[in-house]
mmCIF file of all heavy atoms, coordinates in Angstrom:
data_MODEL
# 
_entry.id   MODEL 
# 
loop_
_atom_site.group_PDB 
_atom_site.id 
_atom_site.type_symbol 
_atom_site.label_atom_id 
_atom_site.label_alt_id 
_atom_site.label_comp_id 
_atom_site.label_asym_id 
_atom_site.label_entity_id 
_atom_site.label_seq_id 
_atom_site.pdbx_PDB_ins_code 
_atom_site.Cartn_x 
_atom_site.Cartn_y 
_atom_site.Cartn_z 
_atom_site.occupancy 
_atom_site.B_iso_or_equiv 
_atom_site.pdbx_formal_charge 
_atom_site.auth_seq_id 
_atom_site.auth_comp_id 
_atom_site.auth_asym_id 
_atom_site.auth_atom_id 
_atom_site.pdbx_PDB_model_num 
ATOM 1   N N   . GLY A 1 1  ? 13.323 41.807 11.896 1.00 0.00 ? 1  GLY A N   1 
ATOM 2   C CA  . GLY A 1 1  ? 14.654 41.538 11.373 1.00 0.00 ? 1  GLY A CA  1 
ATOM 3   C C   . GLY A 1 1  ? 14.811 40.106 10.906 1.00 0.00 ? 1  GLY A C   1 
ATOM 4   O O   . GLY A 1 1  ? 13.845 39.348 10.793 1.00 0.00 ? 1  GLY A O   1 
ATOM 5   N N   . MET A 1 2  ? 16.059 39.730 10.665 1.00 0.00 ? 2  MET A N   1 
ATOM 6   C CA  . MET A 1 2  ? 16.383 38.386 10.215 1.00 0.00 ? 2  MET A CA  1 
ATOM 7   C C   . MET A 1 2  ? 16.693 37.486 11.402 1.00 0.00 ? 2  MET A C   1 
ATOM 8   O O   . MET A 1 2  ? 17.357 37.898 12.362 1.00 0.00 ? 2  MET A O   1 
ATOM 9   C CB  . MET A 1 2  ? 17.592 38.404 9.281  1.00 0.00 ? 2  MET A CB  1 
ATOM 10  C CG  . MET A 1 2  ? 17.362 39.068 7.940  1.00 0.00 ? 2  MET A CG  1 
ATOM 11  S SD  . MET A 1 2  ? 16.159 38.194 6.907  1.00 0.00 ? 2  MET A SD  1 
ATOM 12  C CE  . MET A 1 2  ? 16.917 36.560 6.815  1.00 0.00 ? 2  MET A CE  1 
ATOM 13  N N   . ALA A 1 3  ? 16.216 36.242 11.325 1.00 0.00 ? 3  ALA A N   1 
ATOM 14  C CA  . ALA A 1 3  ? 16.557 35.213 12.304 1.00 0.00 ? 3  ALA A CA  1 
ATOM 15  C C   . ALA A 1 3  ? 16.961 33.963 11.529 1.00 0.00 ? 3  ALA A C   1 
ATOM 16  O O   . ALA A 1 3  ? 16.591 33.789 10.360 1.00 0.00 ? 3  ALA A O   1 
ATOM 17  C CB  . ALA A 1 3  ? 15.381 34.925 13.231 1.00 0.00 ? 3  ALA A CB  1 
ATOM 18  N N   . PHE A 1 4  ? 17.728 33.088 12.187 1.00 0.00 ? 4  PHE A N   1 
ATOM 19  C CA  . PHE A 1 4  ? 18.217 31.888 11.524 1.00 0.00 ? 4  PHE A CA  1 
ATOM 20  C C   . PHE A 1 4  ? 17.938 30.681 12.400 1.00 0.00 ? 4  PHE A C   1 
ATOM 21  O O   . PHE A 1 4  ? 18.229 30.679 13.595 1.00 0.00 ? 4  PHE A O   1 
ATOM 22  C CB  . PHE A 1 4  ? 19.721 32.004 11.245 1.00 0.00 ? 4  PHE A CB  1 
ATOM 23  C CG  . PHE A 1 4  ? 20.070 33.160 10.351 1.00 0.00 ? 4  PHE A CG  1 
ATOM 24  C CD1 . PHE A 1 4  ? 20.292 34.427 10.891 1.00 0.00 ? 4  PHE A CD1 1 
ATOM 25  C CD2 . PHE A 1 4  ? 20.148 33.002 8.979  1.00 0.00 ? 4  PHE A CD2 1 
ATOM 26  C CE1 . PHE A 1 4  ? 20.589 35.503 10.065 1.00 0.00 ? 4  PHE A CE1 1 
ATOM 27  C CE2 . PHE A 1 4  ? 20.445 34.071 8.144  1.00 0.00 ? 4  PHE A CE2 1 
ATOM 28  C CZ  . PHE A 1 4  ? 20.662 35.331 8.696  1.00 0.00 ? 4  PHE A CZ  1 
ATOM 29  N N   . MET A 1 5  ? 17.355 29.649 11.777 1.00 0.00 ? 5  MET A N   1 
ATOM 30  C CA  . MET A 1 5  ? 17.055 28.400 12.465 1.00 0.00 ? 5  MET A CA  1 
ATOM 31  C C   . MET A 1 5  ? 17.922 27.290 11.890 1.00 0.00 ? 5  MET A C   1 
ATOM 32  O O   . MET A 1 5  ? 18.342 27.338 10.735 1.00 0.00 ? 5  MET A O   1 
ATOM 33  C CB  . MET A 1 5  ? 15.585 28.012 12.301 1.00 0.00 ? 5  MET A CB  1 
ATOM 34  C CG  . MET A 1 5  ? 14.588 29.002 12.837 1.00 0.00 ? 5  MET A CG  1 
ATOM 35  S SD  . MET A 1 5  ? 12.898 28.319 12.773 1.00 0.00 ? 5  MET A SD  1 
ATOM 36  C CE  . MET A 1 5  ? 12.765 27.885 11.046 1.00 0.00 ? 5  MET A CE  1 
ATOM 37  N N   . HIS A 1 6  ? 18.161 26.275 12.711 1.00 0.00 ? 6  HIS A N   1 
ATOM 38  C CA  . HIS A 1 6  ? 18.869 25.082 12.236 1.00 0.00 ? 6  HIS A CA  1 
ATOM 39  C C   . HIS A 1 6  ? 17.915 23.902 12.273 1.00 0.00 ? 6  HIS A C   1 
ATOM 40  O O   . HIS A 1 6  ? 17.180 23.713 13.248 1.00 0.00 ? 6  HIS A O   1 
ATOM 41  C CB  . HIS A 1 6  ? 20.091 24.782 13.102 1.00 0.00 ? 6  HIS A CB  1 
ATOM 42  C CG  . HIS A 1 6  ? 20.771 23.512 12.706 1.00 0.00 ? 6  HIS A CG  1 
ATOM 43  N ND1 . HIS A 1 6  ? 20.559 22.313 13.362 1.00 0.00 ? 6  HIS A ND1 1 
ATOM 44  C CD2 . HIS A 1 6  ? 21.629 23.238 11.695 1.00 0.00 ? 6  HIS A CD2 1 
ATOM 45  C CE1 . HIS A 1 6  ? 21.279 21.372 12.772 1.00 0.00 ? 6  HIS A CE1 1 
ATOM 46  N NE2 . HIS A 1 6  ? 21.926 21.906 11.770 1.00 0.00 ? 6  HIS A NE2 1 
ATOM 47  N N   . VAL A 1 7  ? 17.920 23.093 11.189 1.00 0.00 ? 7  VAL A N   1 
ATOM 48  C CA  . VAL A 1 7  ? 17.080 21.898 11.130 1.00 0.00 ? 7  VAL A CA  1 
ATOM 49  C C   . VAL A 1 7  ? 17.961 20.691 10.871 1.00 0.00 ? 7  VAL A C   1 
ATOM 50  O O   . VAL A 1 7  ? 19.044 20.804 10.307 1.00 0.00 ? 7  VAL A O   1 
ATOM 51  C CB  . VAL A 1 7  ? 16.009 22.015 10.021 1.00 0.00 ? 7  VAL A CB  1 
ATOM 52  C CG1 . VAL A 1 7  ? 15.182 23.268 10.208 1.00 0.00 ? 7  VAL A CG1 1 
ATOM 53  C CG2 . VAL A 1 7  ? 16.646 22.008 8.639  1.00 0.00 ? 7  VAL A CG2 1 
ATOM 54  N N   . GLY A 1 8  ? 17.505 19.521 11.294 1.00 0.00 ? 8  GLY A N   1 
ATOM 55  C CA  . GLY A 1 8  ? 18.262 18.292 11.113 1.00 0.00 ? 8  GLY A CA  1 
ATOM 56  C C   . GLY A 1 8  ? 17.935 17.613 9.788  1.00 0.00 ? 8  GLY A C   1 
ATOM 57  O O   . GLY A 1 8  ? 16.778 17.511 9.393  1.00 0.00 ? 8  GLY A O   1 
ATOM 58  N N   . GLY A 1 9  ? 18.969 17.151 9.103  1.00 0.00 ? 9  GLY A N   1 
ATOM 59  C CA  . GLY A 1 9  ? 18.762 16.455 7.836  1.00 0.00 ? 9  GLY A CA  1 
ATOM 60  C C   . GLY A 1 9  ? 18.384 17.416 6.724  1.00 0.00 ? 9  GLY A C   1 
ATOM 61  O O   . GLY A 1 9  ? 18.977 18.477 6.556  1.00 0.00 ? 9  GLY A O   1 
ATOM 62  N N   . THR A 1 10 ? 17.363 17.051 5.959  1.00 0.00 ? 10 THR A N   1 
ATOM 63  C CA  . THR A 1 10 ? 16.874 17.868 4.857  1.00 0.00 ? 10 THR A CA  1 
ATOM 64  C C   . THR A 1 10 ? 15.600 18.585 5.281  1.00 0.00 ? 10 THR A C   1 
ATOM 65  O O   . THR A 1 10 ? 14.797 18.047 6.043  1.00 0.00 ? 10 THR A O   1 
ATOM 66  C CB  . THR A 1 10 ? 16.582 16.982 3.628  1.00 0.00 ? 10 THR A CB  1 
ATOM 67  O OG1 . THR A 1 10 ? 17.786 16.301 3.258  1.00 0.00 ? 10 THR A OG1 1 
ATOM 68  C CG2 . THR A 1 10 ? 16.100 17.817 2.452  1.00 0.00 ? 10 THR A CG2 1 
ATOM 69  N N   . VAL A 1 11 ? 15.424 19.816 4.788  1.00 0.00 ? 11 VAL A N   1 
ATOM 70  C CA  . VAL A 1 11 ? 14.252 20.602 5.170  1.00 0.00 ? 11 VAL A CA  1 
ATOM 71  C C   . VAL A 1 11 ? 13.218 20.570 4.055  1.00 0.00 ? 11 VAL A C   1 
ATOM 72  O O   . VAL A 1 11 ? 13.547 20.588 2.864  1.00 0.00 ? 11 VAL A O   1 
ATOM 73  C CB  . VAL A 1 11 ? 14.652 22.060 5.494  1.00 0.00 ? 11 VAL A CB  1 
ATOM 74  C CG1 . VAL A 1 11 ? 15.277 22.744 4.281  1.00 0.00 ? 11 VAL A CG1 1 
ATOM 75  C CG2 . VAL A 1 11 ? 13.446 22.854 5.968  1.00 0.00 ? 11 VAL A CG2 1 
ATOM 76  N N   . ALA A 1 12 ? 11.954 20.501 4.450  1.00 0.00 ? 12 ALA A N   1 
ATOM 77  C CA  . ALA A 1 12 ? 10.830 20.597 3.516  1.00 0.00 ? 12 ALA A CA  1 
ATOM 78  C C   . ALA A 1 12 ? 10.006 21.821 3.899  1.00 0.00 ? 12 ALA A C   1 
ATOM 79  O O   . ALA A 1 12 ? 9.607  21.972 5.059  1.00 0.00 ? 12 ALA A O   1 
ATOM 80  C CB  . ALA A 1 12 ? 9.963  19.336 3.568  1.00 0.00 ? 12 ALA A CB  1 
ATOM 81  N N   . LYS A 1 13 ? 9.780  22.702 2.935  1.00 0.00 ? 13 LYS A N   1 
ATOM 82  C CA  . LYS A 1 13 ? 8.958  23.889 3.165  1.00 0.00 ? 13 LYS A CA  1 
ATOM 83  C C   . LYS A 1 13 ? 7.605  23.684 2.502  1.00 0.00 ? 13 LYS A C   1 
ATOM 84  O O   . LYS A 1 13 ? 7.526  23.423 1.297  1.00 0.00 ? 13 LYS A O   1 
ATOM 85  C CB  . LYS A 1 13 ? 9.644  25.133 2.598  1.00 0.00 ? 13 LYS A CB  1 
ATOM 86  C CG  . LYS A 1 13 ? 8.862  26.424 2.799  1.00 0.00 ? 13 LYS A CG  1 
ATOM 87  C CD  . LYS A 1 13 ? 9.585  27.606 2.179  1.00 0.00 ? 13 LYS A CD  1 
ATOM 88  C CE  . LYS A 1 13 ? 8.790  28.899 2.343  1.00 0.00 ? 13 LYS A CE  1 
ATOM 89  N NZ  . LYS A 1 13 ? 9.484  30.066 1.711  1.00 0.00 ? 13 LYS A NZ  1 
ATOM 90  N N   . LYS A 1 14 ? 6.543  23.782 3.286  1.00 0.00 ? 14 LYS A N   1 
ATOM 91  C CA  . LYS A 1 14 ? 5.192  23.572 2.784  1.00 0.00 ? 14 LYS A CA  1 
ATOM 92  C C   . LYS A 1 14 ? 4.372  24.851 2.927  1.00 0.00 ? 14 LYS A C   1 
ATOM 93  O O   . LYS A 1 14 ? 4.359  25.481 3.991  1.00 0.00 ? 14 LYS A O   1 
ATOM 94  C CB  . LYS A 1 14 ? 4.496  22.437 3.549  1.00 0.00 ? 14 LYS A CB  1 
ATOM 95  C CG  . LYS A 1 14 ? 5.194  21.079 3.442  1.00 0.00 ? 14 LYS A CG  1 
ATOM 96  C CD  . LYS A 1 14 ? 5.082  20.511 2.052  1.00 0.00 ? 14 LYS A CD  1 
ATOM 97  C CE  . LYS A 1 14 ? 5.657  19.108 1.984  1.00 0.00 ? 14 LYS A CE  1 
ATOM 98  N NZ  . LYS A 1 14 ? 5.546  18.526 0.620  1.00 0.00 ? 14 LYS A NZ  1 
ATOM 99  N N   . GLU A 1 15 ? 3.715  25.224 1.832  1.00 0.00 ? 15 GLU A N   1 
ATOM 100 C CA  . GLU A 1 15 ? 2.802  26.365 1.861  1.00 0.00 ? 15 GLU A CA  1 
ATOM 101 C C   . GLU A 1 15 ? 1.375  25.823 1.894  1.00 0.00 ? 15 GLU A C   1 
ATOM 102 O O   . GLU A 1 15 ? 0.846  25.348 0.887  1.00 0.00 ? 15 GLU A O   1 
ATOM 103 C CB  . GLU A 1 15 ? 3.008  27.250 0.628  1.00 0.00 ? 15 GLU A CB  1 
ATOM 104 C CG  . GLU A 1 15 ? 4.400  27.876 0.520  1.00 0.00 ? 15 GLU A CG  1 
ATOM 105 C CD  . GLU A 1 15 ? 4.640  28.980 1.536  1.00 0.00 ? 15 GLU A CD  1 
ATOM 106 O OE1 . GLU A 1 15 ? 3.663  29.383 2.204  1.00 0.00 ? 15 GLU A OE1 1 
ATOM 107 O OE2 . GLU A 1 15 ? 5.795  29.424 1.657  1.00 0.00 ? 15 GLU A OE2 1 
ATOM 108 N N   . LEU A 1 16 ? 0.753  25.860 3.046  1.00 0.00 ? 16 LEU A N   1 
ATOM 109 C CA  . LEU A 1 16 ? -0.580 25.303 3.226  1.00 0.00 ? 16 LEU A CA  1 
ATOM 110 C C   . LEU A 1 16 ? -1.655 26.330 2.855  1.00 0.00 ? 16 LEU A C   1 
ATOM 111 O O   . LEU A 1 16 ? -1.567 27.499 3.255  1.00 0.00 ? 16 LEU A O   1 
ATOM 112 C CB  . LEU A 1 16 ? -0.789 24.846 4.665  1.00 0.00 ? 16 LEU A CB  1 
ATOM 113 C CG  . LEU A 1 16 ? 0.184  23.783 5.206  1.00 0.00 ? 16 LEU A CG  1 
ATOM 114 C CD1 . LEU A 1 16 ? -0.178 23.434 6.650  1.00 0.00 ? 16 LEU A CD1 1 
ATOM 115 C CD2 . LEU A 1 16 ? 0.177  22.541 4.332  1.00 0.00 ? 16 LEU A CD2 1 
ATOM 116 N N   . GLN A 1 17 ? -2.646 25.871 2.108  1.00 0.00 ? 17 GLN A N   1 
ATOM 117 C CA  . GLN A 1 17 ? -3.779 26.724 1.781  1.00 0.00 ? 17 GLN A CA  1 
ATOM 118 C C   . GLN A 1 17 ? -4.775 26.715 2.945  1.00 0.00 ? 17 GLN A C   1 
ATOM 119 O O   . GLN A 1 17 ? -4.687 25.896 3.864  1.00 0.00 ? 17 GLN A O   1 
ATOM 120 C CB  . GLN A 1 17 ? -4.458 26.219 0.499  1.00 0.00 ? 17 GLN A CB  1 
ATOM 121 C CG  . GLN A 1 17 ? -3.540 26.162 -0.702 1.00 0.00 ? 17 GLN A CG  1 
ATOM 122 C CD  . GLN A 1 17 ? -2.913 27.500 -1.037 1.00 0.00 ? 17 GLN A CD  1 
ATOM 123 O OE1 . GLN A 1 17 ? -3.615 28.516 -1.081 1.00 0.00 ? 17 GLN A OE1 1 
ATOM 124 N NE2 . GLN A 1 17 ? -1.604 27.514 -1.250 1.00 0.00 ? 17 GLN A NE2 1 
ATOM 125 N N   . ALA A 1 18 ? -5.718 27.622 2.916  1.00 0.00 ? 18 ALA A N   1 
ATOM 126 C CA  . ALA A 1 18 ? -6.713 27.707 3.982  1.00 0.00 ? 18 ALA A CA  1 
ATOM 127 C C   . ALA A 1 18 ? -7.475 26.387 4.105  1.00 0.00 ? 18 ALA A C   1 
ATOM 128 O O   . ALA A 1 18 ? -8.016 25.889 3.119  1.00 0.00 ? 18 ALA A O   1 
ATOM 129 C CB  . ALA A 1 18 ? -7.687 28.847 3.696  1.00 0.00 ? 18 ALA A CB  1 
ATOM 130 N N   . GLY A 1 19 ? -7.465 25.812 5.295  1.00 0.00 ? 19 GLY A N   1 
ATOM 131 C CA  . GLY A 1 19 ? -8.159 24.555 5.550  1.00 0.00 ? 19 GLY A CA  1 
ATOM 132 C C   . GLY A 1 19 ? -7.357 23.317 5.208  1.00 0.00 ? 19 GLY A C   1 
ATOM 133 O O   . GLY A 1 19 ? -7.749 22.207 5.588  1.00 0.00 ? 19 GLY A O   1 
ATOM 134 N N   . GLU A 1 20 ? -6.236 23.458 4.501  1.00 0.00 ? 20 GLU A N   1 
ATOM 135 C CA  . GLU A 1 20 ? -5.405 22.301 4.141  1.00 0.00 ? 20 GLU A CA  1 
ATOM 136 C C   . GLU A 1 20 ? -4.691 21.769 5.377  1.00 0.00 ? 20 GLU A C   1 
ATOM 137 O O   . GLU A 1 20 ? -4.151 22.543 6.173  1.00 0.00 ? 20 GLU A O   1 
ATOM 138 C CB  . GLU A 1 20 ? -4.391 22.694 3.075  1.00 0.00 ? 20 GLU A CB  1 
ATOM 139 C CG  . GLU A 1 20 ? -3.520 21.538 2.594  1.00 0.00 ? 20 GLU A CG  1 
ATOM 140 C CD  . GLU A 1 20 ? -2.513 21.964 1.542  1.00 0.00 ? 20 GLU A CD  1 
ATOM 141 O OE1 . GLU A 1 20 ? -2.491 23.167 1.183  1.00 0.00 ? 20 GLU A OE1 1 
ATOM 142 O OE2 . GLU A 1 20 ? -1.744 21.099 1.083  1.00 0.00 ? 20 GLU A OE2 1 
ATOM 143 N N   . ILE A 1 21 ? -4.680 20.443 5.541  1.00 0.00 ? 21 ILE A N   1 
ATOM 144 C CA  . ILE A 1 21 ? -4.101 19.810 6.729  1.00 0.00 ? 21 ILE A CA  1 
ATOM 145 C C   . ILE A 1 21 ? -2.917 18.937 6.343  1.00 0.00 ? 21 ILE A C   1 
ATOM 146 O O   . ILE A 1 21 ? -2.993 18.163 5.387  1.00 0.00 ? 21 ILE A O   1 
ATOM 147 C CB  . ILE A 1 21 ? -5.159 18.966 7.476  1.00 0.00 ? 21 ILE A CB  1 
ATOM 148 C CG1 . ILE A 1 21 ? -6.264 19.874 8.025  1.00 0.00 ? 21 ILE A CG1 1 
ATOM 149 C CG2 . ILE A 1 21 ? -4.512 18.175 8.615  1.00 0.00 ? 21 ILE A CG2 1 
ATOM 150 C CD1 . ILE A 1 21 ? -7.391 19.112 8.704  1.00 0.00 ? 21 ILE A CD1 1 
ATOM 151 N N   . LEU A 1 22 ? -1.836 19.079 7.087  1.00 0.00 ? 22 LEU A N   1 
ATOM 152 C CA  . LEU A 1 22 ? -0.643 18.252 6.908  1.00 0.00 ? 22 LEU A CA  1 
ATOM 153 C C   . LEU A 1 22 ? -0.395 17.493 8.204  1.00 0.00 ? 22 LEU A C   1 
ATOM 154 O O   . LEU A 1 22 ? -0.350 18.086 9.278  1.00 0.00 ? 22 LEU A O   1 
ATOM 155 C CB  . LEU A 1 22 ? 0.565  19.130 6.574  1.00 0.00 ? 22 LEU A CB  1 
ATOM 156 C CG  . LEU A 1 22 ? 1.894  18.417 6.315  1.00 0.00 ? 22 LEU A CG  1 
ATOM 157 C CD1 . LEU A 1 22 ? 1.820  17.612 5.012  1.00 0.00 ? 22 LEU A CD1 1 
ATOM 158 C CD2 . LEU A 1 22 ? 3.033  19.432 6.245  1.00 0.00 ? 22 LEU A CD2 1 
ATOM 159 N N   . LYS A 1 23 ? -0.246 16.146 8.106  1.00 0.00 ? 23 LYS A N   1 
ATOM 160 C CA  . LYS A 1 23 ? 0.041  15.324 9.281  1.00 0.00 ? 23 LYS A CA  1 
ATOM 161 C C   . LYS A 1 23 ? 1.533  15.030 9.325  1.00 0.00 ? 23 LYS A C   1 
ATOM 162 O O   . LYS A 1 23 ? 2.114  14.581 8.334  1.00 0.00 ? 23 LYS A O   1 
ATOM 163 C CB  . LYS A 1 23 ? -0.764 14.026 9.236  1.00 0.00 ? 23 LYS A CB  1 
ATOM 164 C CG  . LYS A 1 23 ? -2.272 14.238 9.302  1.00 0.00 ? 23 LYS A CG  1 
ATOM 165 C CD  . LYS A 1 23 ? -3.030 12.921 9.319  1.00 0.00 ? 23 LYS A CD  1 
ATOM 166 C CE  . LYS A 1 23 ? -4.532 13.153 9.396  1.00 0.00 ? 23 LYS A CE  1 
ATOM 167 N NZ  . LYS A 1 23 ? -5.289 11.880 9.447  1.00 0.00 ? 23 LYS A NZ  1 
ATOM 168 N N   . VAL A 1 24 ? 2.147  15.252 10.479 1.00 0.00 ? 24 VAL A N   1 
ATOM 169 C CA  . VAL A 1 24 ? 3.603  15.191 10.606 1.00 0.00 ? 24 VAL A CA  1 
ATOM 170 C C   . VAL A 1 24 ? 3.967  14.472 11.892 1.00 0.00 ? 24 VAL A C   1 
ATOM 171 O O   . VAL A 1 24 ? 3.254  14.566 12.899 1.00 0.00 ? 24 VAL A O   1 
ATOM 172 C CB  . VAL A 1 24 ? 4.205  16.624 10.631 1.00 0.00 ? 24 VAL A CB  1 
ATOM 173 C CG1 . VAL A 1 24 ? 5.717  16.583 10.635 1.00 0.00 ? 24 VAL A CG1 1 
ATOM 174 C CG2 . VAL A 1 24 ? 3.700  17.452 9.466  1.00 0.00 ? 24 VAL A CG2 1 
ATOM 175 N N   . ASP A 1 25 ? 5.093  13.749 11.866 1.00 0.00 ? 25 ASP A N   1 
ATOM 176 C CA  . ASP A 1 25 ? 5.653  13.233 13.107 1.00 0.00 ? 25 ASP A CA  1 
ATOM 177 C C   . ASP A 1 25 ? 5.967  14.418 14.015 1.00 0.00 ? 25 ASP A C   1 
ATOM 178 O O   . ASP A 1 25 ? 6.533  15.421 13.564 1.00 0.00 ? 25 ASP A O   1 
ATOM 179 C CB  . ASP A 1 25 ? 6.938  12.441 12.806 1.00 0.00 ? 25 ASP A CB  1 
ATOM 180 C CG  . ASP A 1 25 ? 7.571  11.876 14.058 1.00 0.00 ? 25 ASP A CG  1 
ATOM 181 O OD1 . ASP A 1 25 ? 8.356  12.610 14.707 1.00 0.00 ? 25 ASP A OD1 1 
ATOM 182 O OD2 . ASP A 1 25 ? 7.301  10.717 14.391 1.00 0.00 ? 25 ASP A OD2 1 
# 
């Protein structure tokens, strides 16, 4: 079903490819 999340500030959606690495706080 549908679920809803809340995020602080502005949201960034990233689609990572296989093996791609993103470093995040």
